Amino acid sequence: LSILSVLVDKSLIRFDADGRYQIHELLRQYAAEQLEKSADDVSQTQADHANFYIQFLHERSDNVFGHHQRDALQAIRADLDNIRVAWLCSVAQGDAEALGKSCDALGMYYQFQGGYLEGMLLFSQATDVLQAQLQNEVTDVALLGILMSKAWYFLRFGQLEGTEACMAQSLAIYRRLNIPRLPGYQSDPNAPLSFAALTRGDYESAVQLAEQVRNVAEAEQHPINRQFAYHLLSEAHLGLGAHETAQECAQRAYAQSLMTGDRWFRAYILNNMGQIAVALGDNLMGKNHFQASYEIRHDFADPEGMALALINLGKLSFKERDLAEAEDQFQRSRTIYQDINDKGGLAAANWGLGK
């Protein structure tokens, strides 16, 4: 700290109000030029930098899934430039261990923040590199995490075949390794497959796949997968018109989210609970659930989550014949979906607007 203080006094670095030190760009360029005079120093510095930020991500993996999600996301956001460089360095080196230990936190960061395009680009590059390597357990485990994130990104783009291809590969890896589902976030390949069935309106298949997720999660004591299984079952039974069953599953999903501390996903559950309440004739309860979901996602600065809540609020406003309010809510959601390139959400917003 004493050295940093001297550098601040000499205006060589700056201490910001957020508690971080910043180096002037010209000084950074000069330092980089000096470093490049030694190839060995360049390689070692790049390796040290990559190792630091890969470990940085790894140490925040559990928090991304649990009680300290918002803090973990803010920490990743503050260092995203460094993290991106570290990830690309690991890809260039074909470092399966590094990619495997960091993919959960980074993959969910892009999910939480609506950064699907960049997430897909980075994770596709990693997939190509790892698939070119000889099969081994380290590479396969890394691929399981990376393919899961890609599957969800494909869903955001409305590319269900891409999701199904990723999960078919993941299921093959699980069979080959004969290991339990990874302890990460939503690590059962049948979960995205169930969601793809929901998207197609094939609710029977969605129930069957979600039941498989629940059974495996119960057997392996996997709370995150169990939470998601109940949410999928609730969505599917709602689609089938079994409102009471849907409500029971939603309540189980909500209770599970309180145990895991997964506040981000709880917003999805609240949206679903709102839809069930409206289907059962309780519009006020539905509106309260939708609004609570919106507020959670607003707190996370999650554009997709805000847009989804706005879609549901718009549908409810339309049902109550408040057309001006409905139009405003659908238009706000449409703008967000356009910005994040979420094709499925954009279709829903355009449907609401009648376009």
Protein backbone atom coordinates (compact mmCIF):
# COMPACT_ATOMS: atom_id res chain seq x y z
CA LEU A 1 0.00 0.00 0.00
CA SER A 2 2.87 2.38 0.71
CA ILE A 3 4.24 1.85 -2.82
CA LEU A 4 0.79 2.35 -4.31
CA SER A 5 0.40 5.58 -2.34
CA VAL A 6 3.71 6.89 -3.70
CA LEU A 7 2.62 6.09 -7.26
CA VAL A 8 -0.69 7.88 -6.67
CA ASP A 9 1.17 10.92 -5.30
CA LYS A 10 3.30 10.97 -8.46
CA SER A 11 0.15 10.68 -10.63
CA LEU A 12 1.42 7.47 -12.18
CA ILE A 13 -1.72 5.65 -11.09
CA ARG A 14 -5.14 6.82 -9.93
CA PHE A 15 -7.17 5.69 -6.94
CA ASP A 16 -10.87 5.61 -7.85
CA ALA A 17 -13.84 6.07 -5.57
CA ASP A 18 -14.74 2.37 -5.98
CA GLY A 19 -11.47 1.40 -4.28
CA ARG A 20 -9.64 0.28 -7.43
CA TYR A 21 -6.34 1.55 -8.80
CA GLN A 22 -6.14 2.55 -12.46
CA ILE A 23 -3.07 3.04 -14.60
CA HIS A 24 -2.94 5.74 -17.28
CA GLU A 25 -3.25 4.26 -20.76
CA LEU A 26 -0.01 5.87 -22.02
CA LEU A 27 1.90 4.45 -19.07
CA ARG A 28 0.34 1.04 -19.65
CA GLN A 29 1.42 1.14 -23.30
CA TYR A 30 4.95 2.12 -22.30
CA ALA A 31 5.12 -0.74 -19.79
CA ALA A 32 3.87 -3.18 -22.43
CA GLU A 33 6.57 -2.03 -24.85
CA GLN A 34 9.24 -2.59 -22.22
CA LEU A 35 7.85 -6.01 -21.39
CA GLU A 36 7.89 -7.11 -25.03
CA LYS A 37 11.67 -6.76 -25.12
CA SER A 38 11.81 -10.14 -23.35
CA ALA A 39 9.77 -12.97 -24.86
CA ASP A 40 10.14 -15.06 -21.72
CA ASP A 41 8.82 -12.26 -19.57
CA VAL A 42 5.85 -11.80 -21.88
CA SER A 43 4.91 -15.49 -21.68
CA GLN A 44 5.31 -15.63 -17.92
CA THR A 45 3.30 -12.45 -17.36
CA GLN A 46 0.49 -13.69 -19.60
CA ALA A 47 0.46 -17.02 -17.76
CA ASP A 48 0.45 -15.35 -14.34
CA HIS A 49 -2.35 -13.02 -15.41
CA ALA A 50 -4.45 -15.88 -16.81
CA ASN A 51 -3.90 -18.05 -13.73
CA PHE A 52 -4.92 -15.23 -11.41
CA TYR A 53 -8.22 -14.48 -13.16
CA ILE A 54 -9.10 -18.12 -13.80
CA GLN A 55 -8.73 -18.67 -10.06
CA PHE A 56 -10.69 -15.44 -9.47
CA LEU A 57 -13.62 -16.95 -11.39
CA HIS A 58 -13.29 -20.33 -9.71
CA GLU A 59 -13.43 -18.79 -6.25
CA ARG A 60 -16.73 -17.10 -7.14
CA SER A 61 -18.44 -20.12 -8.66
CA ASP A 62 -20.33 -21.10 -5.50
CA ASN A 63 -21.36 -17.50 -4.84
CA VAL A 64 -22.77 -17.13 -8.36
CA PHE A 65 -25.14 -19.96 -7.53
CA GLY A 66 -26.03 -19.03 -3.97
CA HIS A 67 -26.50 -16.41 -1.31
CA HIS A 68 -23.94 -13.88 -2.62
CA GLN A 69 -24.90 -13.83 -6.30
CA ARG A 70 -25.12 -10.08 -6.69
CA ASP A 71 -21.72 -9.43 -5.10
CA ALA A 72 -20.11 -12.14 -7.24
CA LEU A 73 -21.60 -10.70 -10.43
CA GLN A 74 -20.45 -7.19 -9.57
CA ALA A 75 -16.93 -8.48 -8.94
CA ILE A 76 -16.87 -10.26 -12.31
CA ARG A 77 -18.31 -7.23 -14.09
CA ALA A 78 -15.59 -4.97 -12.62
CA ASP A 79 -12.82 -7.21 -13.97
CA LEU A 80 -14.49 -8.48 -17.14
CA ASP A 81 -11.76 -7.11 -19.44
CA ASN A 82 -9.09 -8.98 -17.49
CA ILE A 83 -11.27 -12.10 -17.30
CA ARG A 84 -11.88 -12.08 -21.05
CA VAL A 85 -8.12 -11.90 -21.71
CA ALA A 86 -7.49 -14.74 -19.25
CA TRP A 87 -10.17 -16.92 -20.84
CA LEU A 88 -8.81 -16.34 -24.37
CA CYS A 89 -5.29 -17.11 -23.15
CA SER A 90 -6.53 -20.40 -21.69
CA VAL A 91 -8.30 -21.18 -24.97
CA ALA A 92 -5.14 -20.43 -26.94
CA GLN A 93 -3.17 -22.76 -24.65
CA GLY A 94 -5.85 -25.46 -24.82
CA ASP A 95 -5.85 -25.48 -21.02
CA ALA A 96 -8.83 -27.75 -20.30
CA GLU A 97 -8.32 -27.63 -16.53
CA ALA A 98 -8.43 -23.83 -16.46
CA LEU A 99 -11.49 -23.67 -18.72
CA GLY A 100 -13.26 -26.32 -16.67
CA LYS A 101 -12.74 -24.57 -13.35
CA SER A 102 -13.83 -21.15 -14.63
CA CYS A 103 -16.66 -21.92 -17.09
CA ASP A 104 -19.49 -22.09 -14.54
CA ALA A 105 -19.01 -18.60 -13.15
CA LEU A 106 -18.32 -16.98 -16.52
CA GLY A 107 -21.12 -18.85 -18.28
CA MET A 108 -23.67 -17.81 -15.70
CA TYR A 109 -22.40 -14.23 -15.69
CA TYR A 110 -23.36 -13.92 -19.36
CA GLN A 111 -26.70 -15.57 -18.60
CA PHE A 112 -27.42 -13.20 -15.75
CA GLN A 113 -26.43 -10.09 -17.71
CA GLY A 114 -27.97 -10.96 -21.09
CA GLY A 115 -24.54 -11.23 -22.78
CA TYR A 116 -25.52 -14.21 -24.90
CA LEU A 117 -23.65 -13.22 -28.06
CA GLU A 118 -20.30 -12.75 -26.35
CA GLY A 119 -20.86 -15.82 -24.20
CA MET A 120 -21.61 -17.94 -27.26
CA LEU A 121 -18.51 -16.65 -29.04
CA LEU A 122 -16.14 -17.32 -26.15
CA PHE A 123 -17.60 -20.72 -25.31
CA SER A 124 -17.71 -21.83 -28.96
CA GLN A 125 -14.01 -21.05 -29.30
CA ALA A 126 -13.31 -23.13 -26.20
CA THR A 127 -15.46 -26.00 -27.50
CA ASP A 128 -13.57 -26.12 -30.79
CA VAL A 129 -10.21 -26.25 -29.03
CA LEU A 130 -11.21 -28.94 -26.53
CA GLN A 131 -12.92 -31.13 -29.11
CA ALA A 132 -9.71 -31.12 -31.15
CA GLN A 133 -7.81 -32.65 -28.21
CA LEU A 134 -7.51 -36.34 -27.40
CA GLN A 135 -10.29 -37.51 -25.10
CA ASN A 136 -9.46 -37.55 -21.41
CA GLU A 137 -11.45 -36.95 -18.24
CA VAL A 138 -10.20 -33.40 -17.66
CA THR A 139 -11.19 -32.34 -21.17
CA ASP A 140 -14.53 -34.13 -20.98
CA VAL A 141 -15.46 -32.52 -17.65
CA ALA A 142 -14.56 -29.09 -19.01
CA LEU A 143 -16.74 -29.75 -22.05
CA LEU A 144 -19.70 -30.66 -19.82
CA GLY A 145 -19.69 -27.20 -18.25
CA ILE A 146 -19.04 -25.36 -21.50
CA LEU A 147 -21.70 -27.24 -23.47
CA MET A 148 -24.29 -26.52 -20.78
CA SER A 149 -23.78 -22.77 -21.14
CA LYS A 150 -23.89 -23.04 -24.93
CA ALA A 151 -27.14 -24.99 -24.73
CA TRP A 152 -28.81 -22.14 -22.83
CA TYR A 153 -27.41 -19.54 -25.23
CA PHE A 154 -28.86 -21.50 -28.15
CA LEU A 155 -32.23 -21.41 -26.39
CA ARG A 156 -31.99 -17.62 -26.14
CA PHE A 157 -31.49 -17.44 -29.88
CA GLY A 158 -34.39 -19.79 -30.56
CA GLN A 159 -32.02 -22.42 -31.97
CA LEU A 160 -33.46 -25.50 -30.31
CA GLU A 161 -31.52 -27.89 -32.52
CA GLY A 162 -28.27 -26.39 -31.23
CA THR A 163 -29.42 -26.95 -27.64
CA GLU A 164 -30.33 -30.57 -28.39
CA ALA A 165 -27.02 -31.24 -30.12
CA CYS A 166 -25.04 -29.86 -27.16
CA MET A 167 -27.01 -31.92 -24.66
CA ALA A 168 -26.74 -35.10 -26.73
CA GLN A 169 -22.99 -34.68 -26.57
CA SER A 170 -23.14 -34.03 -22.82
CA LEU A 171 -25.24 -37.14 -22.18
CA ALA A 172 -22.70 -39.19 -24.16
CA ILE A 173 -19.87 -37.80 -22.01
CA TYR A 174 -21.74 -38.63 -18.78
CA ARG A 175 -22.29 -42.20 -20.01
CA ARG A 176 -18.65 -42.54 -21.01
CA LEU A 177 -17.29 -41.21 -17.71
CA ASN A 178 -20.02 -42.84 -15.60
CA ILE A 179 -20.01 -39.95 -13.11
CA PRO A 180 -22.78 -38.10 -11.21
CA ARG A 181 -24.06 -34.78 -12.52
CA LEU A 182 -21.49 -32.07 -11.90
CA PRO A 183 -22.08 -29.91 -8.79
CA GLY A 184 -22.43 -26.79 -10.90
CA TYR A 185 -25.45 -24.76 -11.93
CA GLN A 186 -28.25 -26.70 -13.68
CA SER A 187 -25.84 -29.44 -14.73
CA ASP A 188 -28.35 -32.06 -15.90
CA PRO A 189 -28.54 -32.21 -19.73
CA ASN A 190 -32.20 -33.17 -19.55
CA ALA A 191 -33.05 -29.74 -18.08
CA PRO A 192 -32.37 -27.73 -21.26
CA LEU A 193 -34.01 -30.54 -23.26
CA SER A 194 -37.14 -30.19 -21.11
CA PHE A 195 -37.09 -26.43 -21.67
CA ALA A 196 -36.75 -26.98 -25.42
CA ALA A 197 -39.83 -29.22 -25.28
CA LEU A 198 -41.67 -26.47 -23.37
CA THR A 199 -40.72 -23.99 -26.08
CA ARG A 200 -42.19 -26.30 -28.72
CA GLY A 201 -45.36 -26.74 -26.69
CA ASP A 202 -44.67 -30.45 -26.17
CA TYR A 203 -45.67 -30.42 -22.52
CA GLU A 204 -45.86 -34.18 -22.10
CA SER A 205 -42.24 -34.60 -23.17
CA ALA A 206 -41.27 -31.65 -20.97
CA VAL A 207 -42.84 -33.40 -17.96
CA GLN A 208 -41.07 -36.68 -18.72
CA LEU A 209 -37.67 -35.00 -19.05
CA ALA A 210 -38.21 -32.85 -15.95
CA GLU A 211 -39.17 -35.96 -13.97
CA GLN A 212 -35.85 -37.49 -14.98
CA VAL A 213 -34.04 -34.37 -13.79
CA ARG A 214 -35.88 -34.51 -10.46
CA ASN A 215 -35.24 -38.22 -9.93
CA VAL A 216 -31.52 -37.88 -10.59
CA ALA A 217 -31.31 -34.73 -8.45
CA GLU A 218 -33.03 -36.50 -5.57
CA ALA A 219 -30.73 -39.51 -5.87
CA GLU A 220 -27.58 -37.40 -6.09
CA GLN A 221 -28.71 -34.75 -3.56
CA HIS A 222 -28.23 -31.93 -6.09
CA PRO A 223 -30.25 -28.93 -4.78
CA ILE A 224 -29.82 -26.69 -7.83
CA ASN A 225 -30.95 -29.38 -10.27
CA ARG A 226 -33.86 -30.26 -7.93
CA GLN A 227 -34.91 -26.61 -7.84
CA PHE A 228 -34.89 -26.38 -11.62
CA ALA A 229 -36.73 -29.70 -12.03
CA TYR A 230 -39.67 -28.46 -9.97
CA HIS A 231 -39.74 -25.23 -11.94
CA LEU A 232 -39.83 -27.16 -15.23
CA LEU A 233 -42.59 -29.42 -13.91
CA SER A 234 -44.58 -26.37 -12.87
CA GLU A 235 -44.21 -24.76 -16.31
CA ALA A 236 -45.16 -27.99 -18.09
CA HIS A 237 -48.21 -28.72 -15.93
CA LEU A 238 -49.34 -25.13 -16.39
CA GLY A 239 -49.16 -25.71 -20.13
CA LEU A 240 -51.25 -28.85 -19.70
CA GLY A 241 -53.86 -26.91 -17.71
CA ALA A 242 -53.17 -28.79 -14.46
CA HIS A 243 -53.11 -25.61 -12.40
CA GLU A 244 -53.12 -27.14 -8.93
CA THR A 245 -50.24 -29.48 -9.77
CA ALA A 246 -48.38 -26.57 -11.35
CA GLN A 247 -48.92 -24.50 -8.23
CA GLU A 248 -47.62 -27.28 -5.95
CA CYS A 249 -44.48 -27.70 -8.07
CA ALA A 250 -43.92 -23.93 -8.17
CA GLN A 251 -44.14 -23.74 -4.39
CA ARG A 252 -41.58 -26.54 -4.10
CA ALA A 253 -39.28 -24.73 -6.52
CA TYR A 254 -39.66 -21.50 -4.55
CA ALA A 255 -38.92 -23.22 -1.23
CA GLN A 256 -35.86 -24.84 -2.78
CA SER A 257 -34.62 -21.46 -4.04
CA LEU A 258 -34.78 -20.11 -0.49
CA MET A 259 -32.56 -22.99 0.62
CA THR A 260 -30.02 -22.57 -2.18
CA GLY A 261 -30.04 -18.77 -1.94
CA ASP A 262 -30.53 -18.56 -5.70
CA ARG A 263 -32.33 -15.23 -5.81
CA TRP A 264 -31.74 -14.73 -9.54
CA PHE A 265 -33.57 -17.92 -10.47
CA ARG A 266 -36.27 -17.18 -7.92
CA ALA A 267 -37.39 -14.41 -10.27
CA TYR A 268 -38.25 -17.05 -12.90
CA ILE A 269 -40.19 -19.00 -10.31
CA LEU A 270 -42.10 -15.85 -9.33
CA ASN A 271 -43.02 -15.25 -12.95
CA ASN A 272 -44.38 -18.76 -13.15
CA MET A 273 -46.27 -18.38 -9.86
CA GLY A 274 -47.78 -15.20 -11.27
CA GLN A 275 -48.99 -17.02 -14.37
CA ILE A 276 -50.56 -19.73 -12.21
CA ALA A 277 -52.27 -17.14 -10.00
CA VAL A 278 -53.75 -15.43 -13.06
CA ALA A 279 -54.89 -18.79 -14.45
CA LEU A 280 -56.64 -19.44 -11.12
CA GLY A 281 -58.35 -16.04 -11.30
CA ASP A 282 -56.24 -14.07 -8.80
CA ASN A 283 -54.98 -11.19 -10.96
CA LEU A 284 -53.74 -9.12 -8.03
CA MET A 285 -51.57 -11.96 -6.74
CA GLY A 286 -50.30 -12.50 -10.26
CA LYS A 287 -49.36 -8.85 -10.63
CA ASN A 288 -47.55 -8.89 -7.28
CA HIS A 289 -45.50 -11.93 -8.34
CA PHE A 290 -44.60 -10.37 -11.71
CA GLN A 291 -43.59 -7.11 -10.06
CA ALA A 292 -41.45 -8.92 -7.47
CA SER A 293 -39.73 -10.79 -10.29
CA TYR A 294 -39.04 -7.54 -12.14
CA GLU A 295 -37.55 -5.93 -9.04
CA ILE A 296 -35.16 -8.84 -8.45
CA ARG A 297 -33.90 -8.73 -12.02
CA HIS A 298 -33.64 -4.95 -11.94
CA ASP A 299 -31.46 -5.29 -8.85
CA PHE A 300 -29.23 -7.69 -10.78
CA ALA A 301 -29.18 -5.39 -13.84
CA ASP A 302 -30.45 -8.40 -15.80
CA PRO A 303 -32.18 -7.16 -18.97
CA GLU A 304 -33.73 -10.49 -20.00
CA GLY A 305 -35.31 -11.02 -16.61
CA MET A 306 -36.78 -7.52 -16.61
CA ALA A 307 -38.15 -8.04 -20.11
CA LEU A 308 -39.79 -11.35 -19.17
CA ALA A 309 -41.55 -9.78 -16.20
CA LEU A 310 -42.70 -6.92 -18.43
CA ILE A 311 -44.15 -9.42 -20.91
CA ASN A 312 -46.22 -11.00 -18.15
CA LEU A 313 -47.28 -7.62 -16.78
CA GLY A 314 -48.26 -6.60 -20.30
CA LYS A 315 -50.40 -9.70 -20.77
CA LEU A 316 -52.15 -9.02 -17.48
CA SER A 317 -52.73 -5.35 -18.34
CA PHE A 318 -54.17 -6.41 -21.69
CA LYS A 319 -56.46 -8.92 -19.97
CA GLU A 320 -57.71 -6.14 -17.70
CA ARG A 321 -58.23 -3.90 -20.77
CA ASP A 322 -55.64 -1.33 -19.70
CA LEU A 323 -54.36 -1.10 -23.26
CA ALA A 324 -52.09 1.92 -22.80
CA GLU A 325 -50.28 0.24 -19.91
CA ALA A 326 -50.06 -3.03 -21.83
CA GLU A 327 -48.57 -1.30 -24.87
CA ASP A 328 -45.96 0.45 -22.72
CA GLN A 329 -44.94 -2.80 -21.04
CA PHE A 330 -44.73 -4.76 -24.30
CA GLN A 331 -42.76 -1.96 -25.97
CA ARG A 332 -40.26 -1.77 -23.12
CA SER A 333 -39.75 -5.52 -23.27
CA ARG A 334 -39.39 -5.40 -27.05
CA THR A 335 -36.62 -2.81 -26.81
CA ILE A 336 -34.71 -4.94 -24.32
CA TYR A 337 -35.08 -8.14 -26.36
CA GLN A 338 -33.82 -6.34 -29.45
CA ASP A 339 -30.78 -5.07 -27.56
CA ILE A 340 -29.79 -8.53 -26.28
CA ASN A 341 -30.78 -10.39 -29.47
CA ASP A 342 -33.21 -12.74 -27.69
CA LYS A 343 -35.32 -14.05 -30.57
CA GLY A 344 -37.87 -15.92 -28.47
CA GLY A 345 -38.48 -12.93 -26.22
CA LEU A 346 -38.73 -10.60 -29.21
CA ALA A 347 -41.42 -12.83 -30.71
CA ALA A 348 -43.40 -12.67 -27.45
CA ALA A 349 -43.12 -8.87 -27.30
CA ASN A 350 -44.17 -8.48 -30.93
CA TRP A 351 -47.12 -10.80 -30.29
CA GLY A 352 -48.19 -8.56 -27.43
CA LEU A 353 -47.94 -5.47 -29.59
CA GLY A 354 -49.79 -7.18 -32.44
CA LYS A 355 -46.89 -6.78 -34.88
